[in-house]
C-alpha cells in the first residue's frame, strides 16, 4: 500500500460511498476515512462509529465546510449522484476545495462506460462527466491536482433493471435492437467499489482507468438467465440500431426533463454500437480484486428480485 493515510469520500451516504468505505475498512485497516455528507445522522451507524471514520457535514456549495473534511487527505473520492447542477457545479466547487487543501488526486463521480468519444449532447446523462473531465484537465495543466476517471461499463445491476429496456427478469422477457449479439461491458457496484478502493490507495493510479467484470450480449444474458433459473426466456428483436436512434431522439426531444423516459434507450444505443466499449483493461494492476461475471451475479438473486438489485 502507498503512503496514503487519509481518504475523503464525498456523498458519504450513497450506495457507492458505502461500498467503497466497506472495502477500505476491510482491506486497508490503516487508512483513515473522512466522510462528507449533508446529514451525519443518515450515515450507517456501523460505519460512522468505526474508529477509522470521521464524518463531516457539508453542503455541496459550502466550500469552507468541504475543506474541513478534505484537510490532510491525499485523495478525494466524489460519489455525488444527482442533477446537472450537483454533478457539474458541485464537482467544480469540490475540486477547487481539494486544490485549496492540497489534495493531490481527485476521483471523479464517473463509474461509467467510456464517454470520451462523445460530443456534448450525444448522451445527455454523460455531459456532466465531460464538463468535469475538461475542468480537471485545466487544473492538471496547472499542476494543481491529478484527475482519476474510473470506467467500468454499465453496472450489472442496472443491466437487469426494467427501465433499461433489455431485461424483465420477473417475467422472463428480453429485448434488443440490432442483432442481439452486440457485447455490453458491465461490472457490479461492489466490484467497481473494490477497484475504486484500491485505486484510491495507489498513488500512481491517475488518468483514465478501465476495469471490467464481464462482457455479454443480450442473447448471452438470456442464456445465463435460463441456466440460473431454469426458465426459458423470450427474446424479442425490437428493430435496428438506426430505429433505436430515431426513437430515443424523439423521446428525448419530447421529455428532456424525464431521464427515465429516454436514458435506457441511450445506454442501449451507445453500448450496442461499440463506441463506448472499453479498451485495454487495468484489472491486473489490482489482482486482489476478482470481479464476478453475470453467471455468478445471478446466483445471488432470485429471478423475481434481480431486477431490483440496482436500488439504493
Protein backbone atom coordinates (compact mmCIF):
# COMPACT_ATOMS: atom_id res chain seq x y z
CA UNK A 1 0.00 0.00 0.00
CA UNK A 2 1.14 3.55 -0.65
CA UNK A 3 1.72 6.23 1.97
CA UNK A 4 -1.93 7.31 1.75
CA UNK A 5 -3.32 7.82 5.25
CA UNK A 6 -6.46 9.92 4.81
CA UNK A 7 -9.03 9.39 2.07
CA UNK A 8 -12.01 11.72 1.83
CA UNK A 9 -15.24 10.35 0.38
CA UNK A 10 -17.90 12.88 -0.55
CA UNK A 11 -21.55 11.95 -0.89
CA UNK A 12 -20.96 9.63 2.04
CA UNK A 13 -24.50 8.30 2.46
CA UNK A 14 -24.77 6.98 -1.10
CA UNK A 15 -24.54 3.35 -2.18
CA UNK A 16 -21.17 3.64 -3.90
CA UNK A 17 -19.66 5.52 -0.96
CA UNK A 18 -20.83 2.83 1.46
CA UNK A 19 -19.35 0.06 -0.68
CA UNK A 20 -16.03 1.86 -1.12
CA UNK A 21 -15.84 2.58 2.61
CA UNK A 22 -16.55 -1.06 3.48
CA UNK A 23 -13.81 -2.22 1.11
CA UNK A 24 -11.28 0.24 2.50
CA UNK A 25 -12.04 -0.70 6.11
CA UNK A 26 -11.76 -4.40 5.30
CA UNK A 27 -8.66 -4.31 3.11
CA UNK A 28 -6.75 -1.28 4.41
CA UNK A 29 -7.10 -1.01 8.19
CA UNK A 30 -4.51 1.77 8.47
CA UNK A 31 -6.40 4.16 6.20
CA UNK A 32 -8.37 6.95 7.84
CA UNK A 33 -11.60 7.92 6.12
CA UNK A 34 -13.19 11.36 6.15
CA UNK A 35 -16.81 11.10 5.02
CA UNK A 36 -18.60 14.24 3.89
CA UNK A 37 -22.39 14.38 3.64
CA UNK A 38 -25.26 16.74 4.28
CA UNK A 39 -26.59 14.86 7.32
CA UNK A 40 -24.35 12.77 9.54
CA UNK A 41 -27.42 11.12 11.09
CA UNK A 42 -28.06 9.31 7.79
CA UNK A 43 -24.72 7.50 7.83
CA UNK A 44 -24.91 3.82 8.74
CA UNK A 45 -24.01 3.65 12.47
CA UNK A 46 -21.76 0.67 11.79
CA UNK A 47 -19.67 2.95 9.59
CA UNK A 48 -19.88 6.24 11.49
CA UNK A 49 -18.88 4.54 14.76
CA UNK A 50 -15.80 2.90 13.26
CA UNK A 51 -12.59 4.32 14.78
CA UNK A 52 -11.10 4.88 11.32
CA UNK A 53 -14.04 7.01 10.15
CA UNK A 54 -14.78 10.65 10.84
CA UNK A 55 -17.94 12.22 9.43
CA UNK A 56 -18.19 15.87 8.38
CA UNK A 57 -21.37 17.71 7.48
CA UNK A 58 -21.29 20.00 4.45
CA UNK A 59 -23.48 21.02 1.57
CA UNK A 60 -22.11 20.78 -1.95
CA UNK A 61 -21.89 24.58 -2.16
CA UNK A 62 -20.19 25.23 1.19
CA UNK A 63 -16.51 25.37 0.30
CA UNK A 64 -15.35 26.12 3.83
CA UNK A 65 -17.20 23.10 5.26
CA UNK A 66 -15.94 20.88 2.45
CA UNK A 67 -12.38 21.95 3.17
CA UNK A 68 -12.67 20.83 6.79
CA UNK A 69 -13.40 17.30 5.60
CA UNK A 70 -10.65 17.46 2.98
CA UNK A 71 -7.91 18.70 5.32
CA UNK A 72 -4.99 16.30 5.39
CA UNK A 73 -6.36 14.00 2.68
CA UNK A 74 -4.22 12.83 -0.21
CA UNK A 75 -7.15 11.76 -2.37
CA UNK A 76 -10.81 12.69 -2.66
CA UNK A 77 -13.43 10.29 -4.00
CA UNK A 78 -16.56 12.05 -5.24
CA UNK A 79 -19.65 9.84 -5.23
CA UNK A 80 -22.22 12.50 -6.00
CA UNK A 81 -25.37 11.34 -7.77
CA UNK A 82 -27.88 13.99 -8.71
CA UNK A 83 -28.89 16.68 -11.16
CA UNK A 84 -26.63 18.61 -13.54
CA UNK A 85 -26.07 21.39 -11.01
CA UNK A 86 -24.66 18.95 -8.47
CA UNK A 87 -22.74 16.86 -10.97
CA UNK A 88 -21.11 19.82 -12.72
CA UNK A 89 -21.08 22.86 -10.44
CA UNK A 90 -20.93 20.77 -7.28
CA UNK A 91 -17.90 18.86 -8.52
CA UNK A 92 -16.15 22.05 -9.64
CA UNK A 93 -16.60 23.52 -6.16
CA UNK A 94 -15.30 20.30 -4.66
CA UNK A 95 -12.28 20.22 -6.98
CA UNK A 96 -11.44 23.80 -6.04
CA UNK A 97 -11.74 22.89 -2.35
CA UNK A 98 -9.38 19.95 -2.94
CA UNK A 99 -6.85 22.25 -4.54
CA UNK A 100 -7.14 24.71 -1.64
CA UNK A 101 -6.34 21.85 0.77
CA UNK A 102 -3.51 20.44 -1.40
CA UNK A 103 -5.34 17.17 -2.05
CA UNK A 104 -3.23 15.57 -4.75
CA UNK A 105 -5.80 13.39 -6.55
CA UNK A 106 -9.50 13.64 -7.35
CA UNK A 107 -11.53 10.57 -8.32
CA UNK A 108 -14.47 11.90 -10.29
CA UNK A 109 -18.00 10.60 -9.95
CA UNK A 110 -17.92 8.60 -13.19
CA UNK A 111 -18.05 4.76 -12.92
CA UNK A 112 -19.18 4.76 -16.48
CA UNK A 113 -18.93 3.41 -19.97
CA UNK A 114 -16.21 5.18 -21.98
CA UNK A 115 -17.63 8.66 -22.57
CA UNK A 116 -14.51 10.14 -24.13
CA UNK A 117 -15.74 9.72 -27.72
CA UNK A 118 -18.99 11.55 -27.05
CA UNK A 119 -19.73 15.02 -28.30
CA UNK A 120 -21.83 17.08 -25.94
CA UNK A 121 -25.44 16.04 -26.40
CA UNK A 122 -24.70 12.55 -27.74
CA UNK A 123 -25.68 11.05 -24.39
CA UNK A 124 -27.15 13.83 -22.22
CA UNK A 125 -26.61 11.90 -18.98
CA UNK A 126 -22.88 11.83 -19.69
CA UNK A 127 -22.45 15.54 -20.44
CA UNK A 128 -21.61 16.35 -16.79
CA UNK A 129 -18.72 13.89 -16.90
CA UNK A 130 -17.28 15.62 -19.94
CA UNK A 131 -17.59 19.02 -18.23
CA UNK A 132 -15.78 17.70 -15.14
CA UNK A 133 -13.13 16.00 -17.26
CA UNK A 134 -12.43 19.31 -19.02
CA UNK A 135 -12.30 21.22 -15.73
CA UNK A 136 -9.94 18.71 -14.16
CA UNK A 137 -7.81 18.81 -17.29
CA UNK A 138 -7.39 22.55 -16.91
CA UNK A 139 -6.31 22.18 -13.29
CA UNK A 140 -3.93 19.35 -14.17
CA UNK A 141 -2.19 21.53 -16.75
CA UNK A 142 -1.55 23.97 -13.92
CA UNK A 143 -0.16 21.11 -11.76
CA UNK A 144 -2.79 21.76 -9.12
CA UNK A 145 -4.34 18.28 -8.91
CA UNK A 146 -4.47 14.96 -10.76
CA UNK A 147 -7.75 13.61 -12.05
CA UNK A 148 -8.85 9.99 -11.97
CA UNK A 149 -11.71 8.65 -14.09
CA UNK A 150 -12.87 5.08 -13.50
CA UNK A 151 -14.55 3.37 -16.43
CA UNK A 152 -16.31 0.07 -15.75
CA UNK A 153 -19.01 -0.08 -18.41
CA UNK A 154 -22.56 -0.27 -17.11
CA UNK A 155 -23.37 -1.68 -13.71
CA UNK A 156 -24.53 -5.28 -13.97
CA UNK A 157 -27.39 -4.45 -11.60
CA UNK A 158 -28.57 -1.70 -13.96
CA UNK A 159 -28.38 -4.04 -16.95
CA UNK A 160 -31.09 -6.11 -15.26
CA UNK A 161 -33.24 -3.13 -14.24
CA UNK A 162 -36.51 -2.96 -16.23
CA UNK A 163 -36.08 0.76 -17.03
CA UNK A 164 -33.08 -0.04 -19.23
CA UNK A 165 -35.38 -1.94 -21.53
CA UNK A 166 -33.23 -5.05 -22.01
CA UNK A 167 -34.36 -7.49 -19.33
CA UNK A 168 -37.54 -8.12 -17.38
CA UNK A 169 -36.29 -10.96 -15.24
CA UNK A 170 -39.51 -11.37 -13.27
CA UNK A 171 -41.41 -12.09 -16.47
CA UNK A 172 -38.59 -13.85 -18.31
CA UNK A 173 -38.51 -11.37 -21.19
CA UNK A 174 -35.52 -9.94 -23.06
CA UNK A 175 -35.47 -7.47 -25.93
CA UNK A 176 -32.84 -5.84 -28.09
CA UNK A 177 -32.14 -3.65 -31.08
CA UNK A 178 -29.58 -4.67 -33.67
CA UNK A 179 -28.59 -8.31 -33.82
CA UNK A 180 -28.67 -9.20 -30.13
CA UNK A 181 -25.02 -10.27 -30.38
CA UNK A 182 -23.55 -6.85 -29.58
CA UNK A 183 -21.40 -7.02 -26.45
CA UNK A 184 -22.11 -4.82 -23.41
CA UNK A 185 -19.40 -4.03 -20.84
CA UNK A 186 -20.60 -4.42 -17.25
CA UNK A 187 -19.36 -4.59 -13.65
CA UNK A 188 -21.20 -4.91 -10.34
CA UNK A 189 -21.43 -1.97 -7.96
CA UNK A 190 -19.48 -3.92 -5.36
CA UNK A 191 -16.62 -4.79 -7.69
CA UNK A 192 -16.41 -1.24 -9.05
CA UNK A 193 -16.19 -0.08 -5.43
CA UNK A 194 -13.44 -2.59 -4.64
CA UNK A 195 -11.42 -1.37 -7.61
CA UNK A 196 -12.02 2.22 -6.51
CA UNK A 197 -10.71 1.48 -3.02
CA UNK A 198 -7.51 0.00 -4.48
CA UNK A 199 -7.13 2.89 -6.90
CA UNK A 200 -7.55 5.35 -4.04
CA UNK A 201 -4.64 3.90 -2.05
CA UNK A 202 -2.44 3.60 -5.14
CA UNK A 203 -0.79 6.98 -5.55
CA UNK A 204 0.34 6.03 -9.07
CA UNK A 205 -3.22 5.46 -10.29
CA UNK A 206 -4.10 8.52 -12.34
CA UNK A 207 -5.96 9.41 -15.52
CA UNK A 208 -8.47 7.09 -17.14
CA UNK A 209 -8.61 3.61 -15.65
CA UNK A 210 -10.60 0.79 -17.25
CA UNK A 211 -11.82 -2.17 -15.18
CA UNK A 212 -14.41 -4.77 -16.05
CA UNK A 213 -16.41 -7.63 -14.60
CA UNK A 214 -17.99 -9.14 -17.70
CA UNK A 215 -18.86 -8.57 -21.35
CA UNK A 216 -22.14 -10.06 -22.51
CA UNK A 217 -24.67 -9.70 -25.32
CA UNK A 218 -28.42 -9.68 -24.71
CA UNK A 219 -28.63 -13.21 -26.08
CA UNK A 220 -25.88 -14.31 -23.68
CA UNK A 221 -27.69 -12.64 -20.78
CA UNK A 222 -30.82 -14.58 -21.70
CA UNK A 223 -28.81 -17.81 -21.80
CA UNK A 224 -27.32 -17.08 -18.36
CA UNK A 225 -30.84 -16.38 -17.08
CA UNK A 226 -32.04 -19.76 -18.36
CA UNK A 227 -29.11 -21.55 -16.76
CA UNK A 228 -29.59 -19.75 -13.43
CA UNK A 229 -33.34 -20.09 -13.04
CA UNK A 230 -34.34 -22.98 -15.28
CA UNK A 231 -36.81 -20.79 -17.14
CA UNK A 232 -36.77 -20.47 -20.92
CA UNK A 233 -36.99 -16.72 -21.61
CA UNK A 234 -38.49 -14.99 -24.61
CA UNK A 235 -36.02 -12.92 -26.62
CA UNK A 236 -37.51 -10.34 -28.98
CA UNK A 237 -35.91 -8.06 -31.53
CA UNK A 238 -37.31 -4.52 -31.41
CA UNK A 239 -35.67 -3.18 -34.55
CA UNK A 240 -32.41 -1.88 -35.94
CA UNK A 241 -29.96 0.41 -34.16
CA UNK A 242 -30.96 3.13 -36.60
CA UNK A 243 -34.58 2.75 -35.50
CA UNK A 244 -33.49 2.90 -31.86
CA UNK A 245 -31.60 6.13 -32.52
CA UNK A 246 -34.66 7.70 -34.13
CA UNK A 247 -36.92 6.62 -31.29
CA UNK A 248 -34.64 7.73 -28.45
CA UNK A 249 -34.03 11.12 -30.08
CA UNK A 250 -37.77 11.72 -30.41
CA UNK A 251 -38.47 10.68 -26.81
CA UNK A 252 -35.69 12.93 -25.51
CA UNK A 253 -36.94 15.88 -27.56
CA UNK A 254 -40.42 15.39 -26.11
CA UNK A 255 -39.38 14.82 -22.48
CA UNK A 256 -35.81 16.01 -21.84
CA UNK A 257 -36.52 16.52 -18.13
CA UNK A 258 -37.67 12.92 -17.65
CA UNK A 259 -34.47 10.86 -17.89
CA UNK A 260 -36.19 7.57 -17.15
CA UNK A 261 -38.19 8.03 -20.36
CA UNK A 262 -35.08 8.03 -22.56
CA UNK A 263 -31.99 7.06 -20.59
CA UNK A 264 -32.32 3.31 -21.09
CA UNK A 265 -32.52 3.72 -24.85
CA UNK A 266 -29.45 5.95 -24.90
CA UNK A 267 -27.47 3.37 -22.96
CA UNK A 268 -28.62 0.59 -25.28
CA UNK A 269 -27.73 2.51 -28.40
CA UNK A 270 -24.29 3.75 -27.41
CA UNK A 271 -23.24 0.45 -25.88
CA UNK A 272 -24.55 -1.65 -28.76
CA UNK A 273 -22.83 0.36 -31.48
CA UNK A 274 -19.44 -0.18 -29.83
CA UNK A 275 -18.49 3.47 -29.50
CA UNK A 276 -18.29 3.31 -25.70
CA UNK A 277 -16.65 -0.10 -25.36
CA UNK A 278 -13.70 -0.30 -23.01
CA UNK A 279 -10.24 -0.78 -24.45
CA UNK A 280 -7.21 -2.30 -22.75
CA UNK A 281 -8.20 -3.24 -19.23
CA UNK A 282 -6.37 -2.41 -16.00
CA UNK A 283 -7.76 -5.26 -13.87
CA UNK A 284 -4.36 -6.88 -13.48
CA UNK A 285 -2.96 -3.80 -11.74
CA UNK A 286 -5.05 -4.74 -8.69
CA UNK A 287 -5.08 -8.56 -8.63
CA UNK A 288 -6.66 -8.71 -5.18
CA UNK A 289 -9.95 -7.65 -6.80
CA UNK A 290 -11.60 -10.57 -8.56
CA UNK A 291 -14.79 -9.27 -10.19
CA UNK A 292 -17.71 -11.61 -10.73
CA UNK A 293 -19.41 -12.30 -14.04
CA UNK A 294 -23.12 -12.35 -14.88
CA UNK A 295 -23.48 -16.03 -14.06
CA UNK A 296 -22.04 -15.51 -10.58
CA UNK A 297 -24.13 -12.39 -10.10
CA UNK A 298 -27.40 -14.20 -10.85
CA UNK A 299 -26.66 -16.77 -8.15
CA UNK A 300 -27.07 -14.01 -5.58
CA UNK A 301 -30.67 -13.17 -6.54
CA UNK A 302 -33.99 -14.85 -7.18
CA UNK A 303 -35.42 -14.14 -10.62
CA UNK A 304 -38.18 -12.00 -9.08
CA UNK A 305 -35.71 -9.73 -7.29
CA UNK A 306 -32.71 -9.45 -9.64
CA UNK A 307 -34.41 -6.60 -11.49
CA UNK A 308 -34.45 -4.59 -8.26
CA UNK A 309 -30.78 -5.19 -7.43
CA UNK A 310 -29.74 -1.69 -8.54
CA UNK A 311 -31.87 0.04 -5.92
CA UNK A 312 -30.04 2.17 -3.42
